[in-house]
Amino acid sequence: MRIGHGYDAHRFASGRPLVLGGVTIPHGEGLAAHSDGDVVVHALCDALLGAAALGDIGKLFPDSSEEYRNIDSRILLREVVERLTDAALRVSSVDISMVAQRPRLASHIADMVEILSSDLELASDRLNVKATTTEGMGFTGRGEGIAVHAVVLLEE
């Protein structure tokens, strides 16, 4: 077994949709990024790549490449899953923590689990997504952005 941890954070930006875990969430701002800014998928990709010792999302999909400008991050996730399969690794378990003061995310979690478990080819009861606030502390608490931690377990 192999374990991996991923972390990502993005600041809010106007004029962009807010996409988290593959779900478009009604909000006045999206997240600033070269891609679609799906910070949930980015942290998940980094956790998967870390567990497999395959680098990180920035190495595989550099933000200096026009090929990845505004790309749907789920495309990147499916590419990471393909690389895991090629390395004879299988996702066993995923735990994701979203840290955001706003918007409230609990009502979107079931949709995120459905989408991510499909992309990971993983039973939905092996993927957990949760949301928390920092009670007004730090950049997430001030409503400046969203941060995400992801932990994964891979089996060889």
N, C-alpha and C. Protein backbone atom coordinates (compact mmCIF):
# COMPACT_ATOMS: atom_id res chain seq x y z
N MET A 1 0.83 -1.18 0.00
CA MET A 1 0.00 0.00 0.00
C MET A 1 0.87 1.24 0.00
N ARG A 2 0.33 2.29 -0.58
CA ARG A 2 1.02 3.57 -0.62
C ARG A 2 0.04 4.67 -0.21
N ILE A 3 0.54 5.66 0.51
CA ILE A 3 -0.30 6.77 0.94
C ILE A 3 0.23 8.06 0.33
N GLY A 4 -0.69 8.97 0.01
CA GLY A 4 -0.30 10.26 -0.54
C GLY A 4 -1.14 11.37 0.03
N HIS A 5 -0.55 12.54 0.13
CA HIS A 5 -1.24 13.74 0.62
C HIS A 5 -1.11 14.83 -0.42
N GLY A 6 -2.19 15.52 -0.70
CA GLY A 6 -2.16 16.64 -1.62
C GLY A 6 -2.78 17.86 -0.97
N TYR A 7 -2.28 19.03 -1.34
CA TYR A 7 -2.81 20.30 -0.84
C TYR A 7 -2.81 21.29 -1.98
N ASP A 8 -3.85 22.08 -2.05
CA ASP A 8 -3.87 23.18 -3.01
C ASP A 8 -4.76 24.28 -2.46
N ALA A 9 -4.50 25.49 -2.90
CA ALA A 9 -5.29 26.66 -2.50
C ALA A 9 -5.32 27.64 -3.66
N HIS A 10 -6.45 28.27 -3.85
CA HIS A 10 -6.60 29.30 -4.87
C HIS A 10 -7.40 30.46 -4.29
N ARG A 11 -7.09 31.64 -4.76
CA ARG A 11 -7.84 32.84 -4.34
C ARG A 11 -9.06 33.01 -5.23
N PHE A 12 -10.06 33.68 -4.72
CA PHE A 12 -11.24 33.98 -5.51
C PHE A 12 -10.91 35.00 -6.59
N ALA A 13 -11.62 34.91 -7.72
CA ALA A 13 -11.46 35.85 -8.84
C ALA A 13 -12.83 36.05 -9.49
N SER A 14 -13.12 37.27 -9.86
CA SER A 14 -14.40 37.54 -10.51
C SER A 14 -14.36 37.11 -11.97
N GLY A 15 -15.53 36.90 -12.53
CA GLY A 15 -15.64 36.56 -13.93
C GLY A 15 -15.35 35.10 -14.26
N ARG A 16 -15.33 34.24 -13.26
CA ARG A 16 -15.06 32.81 -13.47
C ARG A 16 -16.10 32.00 -12.71
N PRO A 17 -16.48 30.84 -13.25
CA PRO A 17 -17.38 29.98 -12.48
C PRO A 17 -16.60 29.30 -11.35
N LEU A 18 -17.30 28.95 -10.29
CA LEU A 18 -16.69 28.22 -9.18
C LEU A 18 -16.94 26.74 -9.40
N VAL A 19 -15.85 25.99 -9.65
CA VAL A 19 -15.94 24.55 -9.88
C VAL A 19 -15.14 23.85 -8.79
N LEU A 20 -15.82 22.96 -8.06
CA LEU A 20 -15.18 22.20 -6.99
C LEU A 20 -15.59 20.74 -7.11
N GLY A 21 -14.63 19.85 -7.20
CA GLY A 21 -14.93 18.43 -7.32
C GLY A 21 -15.75 18.11 -8.54
N GLY A 22 -15.58 18.90 -9.59
CA GLY A 22 -16.31 18.69 -10.83
C GLY A 22 -17.70 19.29 -10.84
N VAL A 23 -18.10 19.94 -9.76
CA VAL A 23 -19.44 20.52 -9.64
C VAL A 23 -19.34 22.04 -9.77
N THR A 24 -20.18 22.63 -10.62
CA THR A 24 -20.26 24.09 -10.72
C THR A 24 -21.20 24.57 -9.62
N ILE A 25 -20.67 25.43 -8.77
CA ILE A 25 -21.37 25.89 -7.58
C ILE A 25 -21.78 27.35 -7.76
N PRO A 26 -23.05 27.66 -7.53
CA PRO A 26 -23.49 29.05 -7.65
C PRO A 26 -22.75 29.93 -6.64
N HIS A 27 -22.04 30.90 -7.14
CA HIS A 27 -21.28 31.83 -6.29
C HIS A 27 -20.88 33.01 -7.16
N GLY A 28 -20.69 34.14 -6.59
CA GLY A 28 -20.35 35.34 -7.35
C GLY A 28 -18.96 35.34 -7.93
N GLU A 29 -18.09 34.46 -7.45
CA GLU A 29 -16.71 34.40 -7.92
C GLU A 29 -16.28 32.95 -8.11
N GLY A 30 -15.31 32.76 -9.00
CA GLY A 30 -14.66 31.47 -9.16
C GLY A 30 -13.28 31.55 -8.54
N LEU A 31 -12.41 30.65 -8.95
CA LEU A 31 -11.05 30.62 -8.41
C LEU A 31 -10.04 30.95 -9.49
N ALA A 32 -9.09 31.81 -9.15
CA ALA A 32 -8.03 32.21 -10.09
C ALA A 32 -7.11 31.02 -10.35
N ALA A 33 -6.91 30.71 -11.63
CA ALA A 33 -6.04 29.59 -11.98
C ALA A 33 -5.81 29.58 -13.48
N HIS A 34 -4.79 28.86 -13.91
CA HIS A 34 -4.51 28.66 -15.33
C HIS A 34 -5.57 27.73 -15.93
N SER A 35 -5.98 26.71 -15.15
CA SER A 35 -7.01 25.76 -15.59
C SER A 35 -8.37 26.30 -15.13
N ASP A 36 -9.33 25.40 -14.91
CA ASP A 36 -10.64 25.82 -14.41
C ASP A 36 -10.61 26.16 -12.92
N GLY A 37 -9.48 25.92 -12.25
CA GLY A 37 -9.33 26.29 -10.85
C GLY A 37 -9.97 25.33 -9.86
N ASP A 38 -10.28 24.10 -10.28
CA ASP A 38 -10.92 23.13 -9.39
C ASP A 38 -9.90 22.66 -8.36
N VAL A 39 -9.83 23.37 -7.26
CA VAL A 39 -8.84 23.13 -6.22
C VAL A 39 -9.01 21.74 -5.57
N VAL A 40 -10.22 21.21 -5.58
CA VAL A 40 -10.46 19.86 -5.04
C VAL A 40 -9.74 18.83 -5.91
N VAL A 41 -9.95 18.92 -7.22
CA VAL A 41 -9.31 17.97 -8.13
C VAL A 41 -7.80 18.15 -8.13
N HIS A 42 -7.32 19.39 -8.00
CA HIS A 42 -5.88 19.61 -7.99
C HIS A 42 -5.23 18.95 -6.78
N ALA A 43 -5.82 19.12 -5.61
CA ALA A 43 -5.27 18.48 -4.40
C ALA A 43 -5.34 16.96 -4.53
N LEU A 44 -6.43 16.46 -5.09
CA LEU A 44 -6.58 15.02 -5.29
C LEU A 44 -5.52 14.48 -6.24
N CYS A 45 -5.29 15.17 -7.34
CA CYS A 45 -4.25 14.74 -8.29
C CYS A 45 -2.89 14.70 -7.61
N ASP A 46 -2.57 15.73 -6.83
CA ASP A 46 -1.28 15.74 -6.15
C ASP A 46 -1.15 14.60 -5.15
N ALA A 47 -2.23 14.26 -4.45
CA ALA A 47 -2.18 13.14 -3.51
C ALA A 47 -1.94 11.83 -4.26
N LEU A 48 -2.64 11.63 -5.37
CA LEU A 48 -2.47 10.42 -6.17
C LEU A 48 -1.07 10.32 -6.74
N LEU A 49 -0.59 11.41 -7.29
CA LEU A 49 0.75 11.41 -7.88
C LEU A 49 1.83 11.20 -6.81
N GLY A 50 1.63 11.80 -5.65
CA GLY A 50 2.58 11.64 -4.56
C GLY A 50 2.65 10.20 -4.08
N ALA A 51 1.49 9.57 -3.92
CA ALA A 51 1.47 8.17 -3.48
C ALA A 51 2.16 7.26 -4.48
N ALA A 52 2.05 7.61 -5.76
CA ALA A 52 2.66 6.79 -6.82
C ALA A 52 4.09 7.19 -7.13
N ALA A 53 4.60 8.22 -6.45
CA ALA A 53 5.95 8.77 -6.71
C ALA A 53 6.10 9.18 -8.17
N LEU A 54 5.05 9.86 -8.69
CA LEU A 54 5.05 10.31 -10.09
C LEU A 54 5.13 11.83 -10.22
N GLY A 55 5.62 12.50 -9.17
CA GLY A 55 5.77 13.95 -9.26
C GLY A 55 4.55 14.67 -8.72
N ASP A 56 4.19 15.76 -9.39
CA ASP A 56 3.04 16.54 -8.94
C ASP A 56 2.31 17.12 -10.15
N ILE A 57 1.19 17.74 -9.88
CA ILE A 57 0.33 18.25 -10.95
C ILE A 57 1.04 19.33 -11.78
N GLY A 58 1.86 20.16 -11.13
CA GLY A 58 2.58 21.21 -11.85
C GLY A 58 3.63 20.65 -12.79
N LYS A 59 4.22 19.54 -12.42
CA LYS A 59 5.22 18.89 -13.28
C LYS A 59 4.56 18.27 -14.51
N LEU A 60 3.43 17.59 -14.30
CA LEU A 60 2.76 16.91 -15.42
C LEU A 60 1.96 17.85 -16.30
N PHE A 61 1.34 18.86 -15.69
CA PHE A 61 0.46 19.76 -16.42
C PHE A 61 0.84 21.21 -16.10
N PRO A 62 1.99 21.67 -16.61
CA PRO A 62 2.52 22.98 -16.21
C PRO A 62 1.61 24.15 -16.63
N ASP A 63 1.52 25.14 -15.74
CA ASP A 63 0.69 26.30 -16.05
C ASP A 63 1.36 27.23 -17.06
N SER A 64 2.53 26.87 -17.51
CA SER A 64 3.19 27.62 -18.58
C SER A 64 2.75 27.12 -19.96
N SER A 65 1.96 26.05 -20.00
CA SER A 65 1.52 25.45 -21.26
C SER A 65 0.12 25.94 -21.62
N GLU A 66 -0.03 26.47 -22.81
CA GLU A 66 -1.34 26.90 -23.30
C GLU A 66 -2.30 25.73 -23.44
N GLU A 67 -1.77 24.53 -23.60
CA GLU A 67 -2.59 23.33 -23.73
C GLU A 67 -3.53 23.17 -22.53
N TYR A 68 -3.13 23.66 -21.37
CA TYR A 68 -3.90 23.46 -20.15
C TYR A 68 -4.68 24.71 -19.72
N ARG A 69 -4.65 25.77 -20.52
CA ARG A 69 -5.38 27.00 -20.17
C ARG A 69 -6.88 26.69 -20.14
N ASN A 70 -7.51 26.99 -19.01
CA ASN A 70 -8.95 26.81 -18.79
C ASN A 70 -9.42 25.36 -18.95
N ILE A 71 -8.51 24.39 -18.90
CA ILE A 71 -8.89 22.99 -19.07
C ILE A 71 -9.76 22.52 -17.90
N ASP A 72 -10.68 21.65 -18.19
CA ASP A 72 -11.49 20.98 -17.18
C ASP A 72 -10.54 20.08 -16.38
N SER A 73 -10.42 20.33 -15.09
CA SER A 73 -9.47 19.58 -14.26
C SER A 73 -9.80 18.10 -14.19
N ARG A 74 -11.03 17.72 -14.47
CA ARG A 74 -11.38 16.30 -14.50
C ARG A 74 -10.63 15.57 -15.61
N ILE A 75 -10.30 16.25 -16.68
CA ILE A 75 -9.48 15.65 -17.74
C ILE A 75 -8.11 15.31 -17.18
N LEU A 76 -7.56 16.20 -16.37
CA LEU A 76 -6.26 15.96 -15.74
C LEU A 76 -6.35 14.78 -14.77
N LEU A 77 -7.44 14.73 -13.99
CA LEU A 77 -7.62 13.63 -13.05
C LEU A 77 -7.68 12.29 -13.77
N ARG A 78 -8.41 12.23 -14.85
CA ARG A 78 -8.51 10.97 -15.60
C ARG A 78 -7.16 10.57 -16.19
N GLU A 79 -6.34 11.55 -16.57
CA GLU A 79 -4.99 11.25 -17.05
C GLU A 79 -4.13 10.69 -15.91
N VAL A 80 -4.27 11.25 -14.72
CA VAL A 80 -3.53 10.74 -13.56
C VAL A 80 -3.96 9.30 -13.27
N VAL A 81 -5.25 9.02 -13.30
CA VAL A 81 -5.74 7.66 -13.06
C VAL A 81 -5.18 6.70 -14.10
N GLU A 82 -5.10 7.14 -15.33
CA GLU A 82 -4.51 6.31 -16.39
C GLU A 82 -3.05 5.99 -16.09
N ARG A 83 -2.31 6.97 -15.60
CA ARG A 83 -0.90 6.75 -15.25
C ARG A 83 -0.78 5.77 -14.08
N LEU A 84 -1.71 5.86 -13.13
CA LEU A 84 -1.70 4.90 -12.02
C LEU A 84 -1.94 3.49 -12.53
N THR A 85 -2.89 3.35 -13.42
CA THR A 85 -3.19 2.04 -14.01
C THR A 85 -1.97 1.49 -14.72
N ASP A 86 -1.28 2.35 -15.49
CA ASP A 86 -0.07 1.93 -16.18
C ASP A 86 1.02 1.48 -15.21
N ALA A 87 1.02 2.04 -14.01
CA ALA A 87 2.01 1.69 -12.99
C ALA A 87 1.52 0.54 -12.10
N ALA A 88 0.42 -0.10 -12.49
CA ALA A 88 -0.16 -1.22 -11.74
C ALA A 88 -0.58 -0.81 -10.33
N LEU A 89 -1.11 0.40 -10.21
CA LEU A 89 -1.61 0.91 -8.93
C LEU A 89 -3.11 1.16 -9.04
N ARG A 90 -3.81 0.92 -7.94
CA ARG A 90 -5.27 1.10 -7.90
C ARG A 90 -5.63 1.93 -6.69
N VAL A 91 -6.54 2.88 -6.88
CA VAL A 91 -7.01 3.71 -5.77
C VAL A 91 -7.86 2.85 -4.85
N SER A 92 -7.53 2.90 -3.56
CA SER A 92 -8.25 2.11 -2.57
C SER A 92 -9.18 2.98 -1.72
N SER A 93 -8.72 4.18 -1.37
CA SER A 93 -9.50 5.03 -0.48
C SER A 93 -9.08 6.49 -0.66
N VAL A 94 -10.05 7.40 -0.52
CA VAL A 94 -9.79 8.84 -0.67
C VAL A 94 -10.53 9.59 0.42
N ASP A 95 -9.86 10.58 1.02
CA ASP A 95 -10.48 11.48 2.00
C ASP A 95 -10.08 12.90 1.64
N ILE A 96 -11.08 13.75 1.43
CA ILE A 96 -10.85 15.14 0.98
C ILE A 96 -11.47 16.10 1.99
N SER A 97 -10.72 17.14 2.37
CA SER A 97 -11.21 18.19 3.26
C SER A 97 -11.13 19.53 2.55
N MET A 98 -12.29 20.16 2.34
CA MET A 98 -12.35 21.49 1.74
C MET A 98 -12.41 22.52 2.87
N VAL A 99 -11.60 23.56 2.78
CA VAL A 99 -11.56 24.60 3.81
C VAL A 99 -12.02 25.90 3.16
N ALA A 100 -13.22 26.36 3.53
CA ALA A 100 -13.79 27.57 2.93
C ALA A 100 -14.77 28.22 3.89
N GLN A 101 -14.67 29.49 4.05
CA GLN A 101 -15.64 30.23 4.86
C GLN A 101 -16.94 30.42 4.06
N ARG A 102 -16.75 30.63 2.78
CA ARG A 102 -17.88 30.80 1.87
C ARG A 102 -17.48 30.26 0.51
N PRO A 103 -18.39 29.76 -0.27
CA PRO A 103 -19.79 29.51 0.03
C PRO A 103 -19.94 28.27 0.89
N ARG A 104 -21.13 28.04 1.36
CA ARG A 104 -21.43 26.81 2.09
C ARG A 104 -21.42 25.66 1.08
N LEU A 105 -20.76 24.58 1.40
CA LEU A 105 -20.52 23.52 0.42
C LEU A 105 -21.23 22.20 0.72
N ALA A 106 -21.78 22.03 1.90
CA ALA A 106 -22.33 20.74 2.30
C ALA A 106 -23.36 20.19 1.32
N SER A 107 -24.19 21.05 0.76
CA SER A 107 -25.26 20.56 -0.13
C SER A 107 -24.73 20.07 -1.48
N HIS A 108 -23.46 20.30 -1.77
CA HIS A 108 -22.86 19.89 -3.05
C HIS A 108 -22.00 18.63 -2.93
N ILE A 109 -21.79 18.17 -1.71
CA ILE A 109 -20.85 17.07 -1.48
C ILE A 109 -21.29 15.77 -2.16
N ALA A 110 -22.55 15.41 -2.10
CA ALA A 110 -23.02 14.16 -2.73
C ALA A 110 -22.72 14.16 -4.23
N ASP A 111 -22.92 15.30 -4.90
CA ASP A 111 -22.61 15.39 -6.33
C ASP A 111 -21.11 15.24 -6.57
N MET A 112 -20.29 15.84 -5.71
CA MET A 112 -18.84 15.71 -5.84
C MET A 112 -18.41 14.25 -5.71
N VAL A 113 -18.96 13.57 -4.72
CA VAL A 113 -18.62 12.16 -4.50
C VAL A 113 -18.99 11.33 -5.73
N GLU A 114 -20.15 11.57 -6.28
CA GLU A 114 -20.59 10.82 -7.47
C GLU A 114 -19.65 11.05 -8.65
N ILE A 115 -19.29 12.30 -8.90
CA ILE A 115 -18.42 12.63 -10.03
C ILE A 115 -17.01 12.09 -9.83
N LEU A 116 -16.44 12.34 -8.66
CA LEU A 116 -15.06 11.93 -8.41
C LEU A 116 -14.92 10.41 -8.35
N SER A 117 -15.88 9.73 -7.74
CA SER A 117 -15.78 8.27 -7.69
C SER A 117 -15.85 7.68 -9.09
N SER A 118 -16.63 8.29 -9.97
CA SER A 118 -16.70 7.84 -11.36
C SER A 118 -15.35 8.04 -12.05
N ASP A 119 -14.76 9.23 -11.91
CA ASP A 119 -13.47 9.50 -12.55
C ASP A 119 -12.35 8.62 -12.00
N LEU A 120 -12.45 8.27 -10.72
CA LEU A 120 -11.43 7.44 -10.08
C LEU A 120 -11.67 5.95 -10.27
N GLU A 121 -12.85 5.61 -10.82
CA GLU A 121 -13.25 4.21 -10.96
C GLU A 121 -13.21 3.55 -9.58
N LEU A 122 -13.85 4.23 -8.63
CA LEU A 122 -13.81 3.85 -7.23
C LEU A 122 -15.24 3.84 -6.68
N ALA A 123 -15.57 2.84 -5.89
CA ALA A 123 -16.88 2.81 -5.25
C ALA A 123 -17.06 4.05 -4.38
N SER A 124 -18.25 4.62 -4.42
CA SER A 124 -18.49 5.87 -3.70
C SER A 124 -18.33 5.73 -2.19
N ASP A 125 -18.45 4.51 -1.65
CA ASP A 125 -18.27 4.34 -0.21
C ASP A 125 -16.79 4.27 0.19
N ARG A 126 -15.91 4.49 -0.78
CA ARG A 126 -14.46 4.52 -0.50
C ARG A 126 -13.90 5.93 -0.73
N LEU A 127 -14.82 6.90 -0.88
CA LEU A 127 -14.42 8.29 -1.11
C LEU A 127 -15.22 9.19 -0.18
N ASN A 128 -14.53 9.98 0.61
CA ASN A 128 -15.18 10.89 1.55
C ASN A 128 -14.79 12.32 1.21
N VAL A 129 -15.78 13.19 1.16
CA VAL A 129 -15.55 14.62 0.94
C VAL A 129 -16.25 15.35 2.08
N LYS A 130 -15.55 16.30 2.68
CA LYS A 130 -16.14 17.08 3.75
C LYS A 130 -15.71 18.54 3.63
N ALA A 131 -16.47 19.41 4.28
CA ALA A 131 -16.17 20.85 4.24
C ALA A 131 -16.11 21.38 5.65
N THR A 132 -15.23 22.34 5.84
CA THR A 132 -15.10 22.99 7.14
C THR A 132 -14.76 24.46 6.91
N THR A 133 -14.88 25.24 7.96
CA THR A 133 -14.45 26.64 7.93
C THR A 133 -13.27 26.79 8.87
N THR A 134 -12.69 27.98 8.88
CA THR A 134 -11.64 28.27 9.85
C THR A 134 -12.12 29.32 10.85
N GLU A 135 -13.45 29.45 10.94
CA GLU A 135 -14.08 30.37 11.89
C GLU A 135 -13.49 31.77 11.82
N GLY A 136 -13.32 32.23 10.57
CA GLY A 136 -12.88 33.60 10.34
C GLY A 136 -11.38 33.81 10.36
N MET A 137 -10.59 32.77 10.61
CA MET A 137 -9.14 32.92 10.69
C MET A 137 -8.48 32.66 9.33
N GLY A 138 -7.40 33.35 9.04
CA GLY A 138 -6.60 33.12 7.85
C GLY A 138 -7.28 33.54 6.56
N PHE A 139 -6.61 33.24 5.42
CA PHE A 139 -7.14 33.70 4.13
C PHE A 139 -8.47 33.06 3.78
N THR A 140 -8.66 31.79 4.18
CA THR A 140 -9.96 31.18 3.91
C THR A 140 -11.03 31.79 4.81
N GLY A 141 -10.68 32.05 6.04
CA GLY A 141 -11.62 32.66 6.98
C GLY A 141 -12.04 34.06 6.59
N ARG A 142 -11.15 34.78 5.96
CA ARG A 142 -11.47 36.12 5.47
C ARG A 142 -12.24 36.07 4.15
N GLY A 143 -12.47 34.87 3.62
CA GLY A 143 -13.23 34.73 2.38
C GLY A 143 -12.43 35.09 1.15
N GLU A 144 -11.09 34.96 1.23
CA GLU A 144 -10.24 35.32 0.10
C GLU A 144 -10.03 34.16 -0.87
N GLY A 145 -10.32 32.93 -0.43
CA GLY A 145 -10.10 31.78 -1.30
C GLY A 145 -10.51 30.50 -0.61
N ILE A 146 -10.12 29.40 -1.26
CA ILE A 146 -10.44 28.06 -0.77
C ILE A 146 -9.18 27.21 -0.77
N ALA A 147 -9.04 26.39 0.26
CA ALA A 147 -7.93 25.44 0.35
C ALA A 147 -8.50 24.03 0.48
N VAL A 148 -7.73 23.05 0.02
CA VAL A 148 -8.18 21.66 0.07
C VAL A 148 -7.00 20.74 0.42
N HIS A 149 -7.27 19.77 1.29
CA HIS A 149 -6.34 18.69 1.60
C HIS A 149 -6.96 17.40 1.09
N ALA A 150 -6.14 16.53 0.51
CA ALA A 150 -6.61 15.22 0.06
C ALA A 150 -5.60 14.17 0.51
N VAL A 151 -6.13 13.07 1.01
CA VAL A 151 -5.30 11.93 1.40
C VAL A 151 -5.83 10.72 0.64
N VAL A 152 -4.89 9.95 0.06
CA VAL A 152 -5.29 8.76 -0.70
C VAL A 152 -4.49 7.55 -0.27
N LEU A 153 -5.09 6.40 -0.48
CA LEU A 153 -4.42 5.14 -0.27
C LEU A 153 -4.48 4.38 -1.59
N LEU A 154 -3.31 3.95 -2.08
CA LEU A 154 -3.22 3.17 -3.31
C LEU A 154 -2.80 1.75 -2.96
N GLU A 155 -3.23 0.80 -3.77
CA GLU A 155 -2.80 -0.58 -3.62
C GLU A 155 -2.01 -0.98 -4.85
N GLU A 156 -0.95 -1.76 -4.62
CA GLU A 156 -0.14 -2.26 -5.74
C GLU A 156 -0.70 -3.56 -6.21
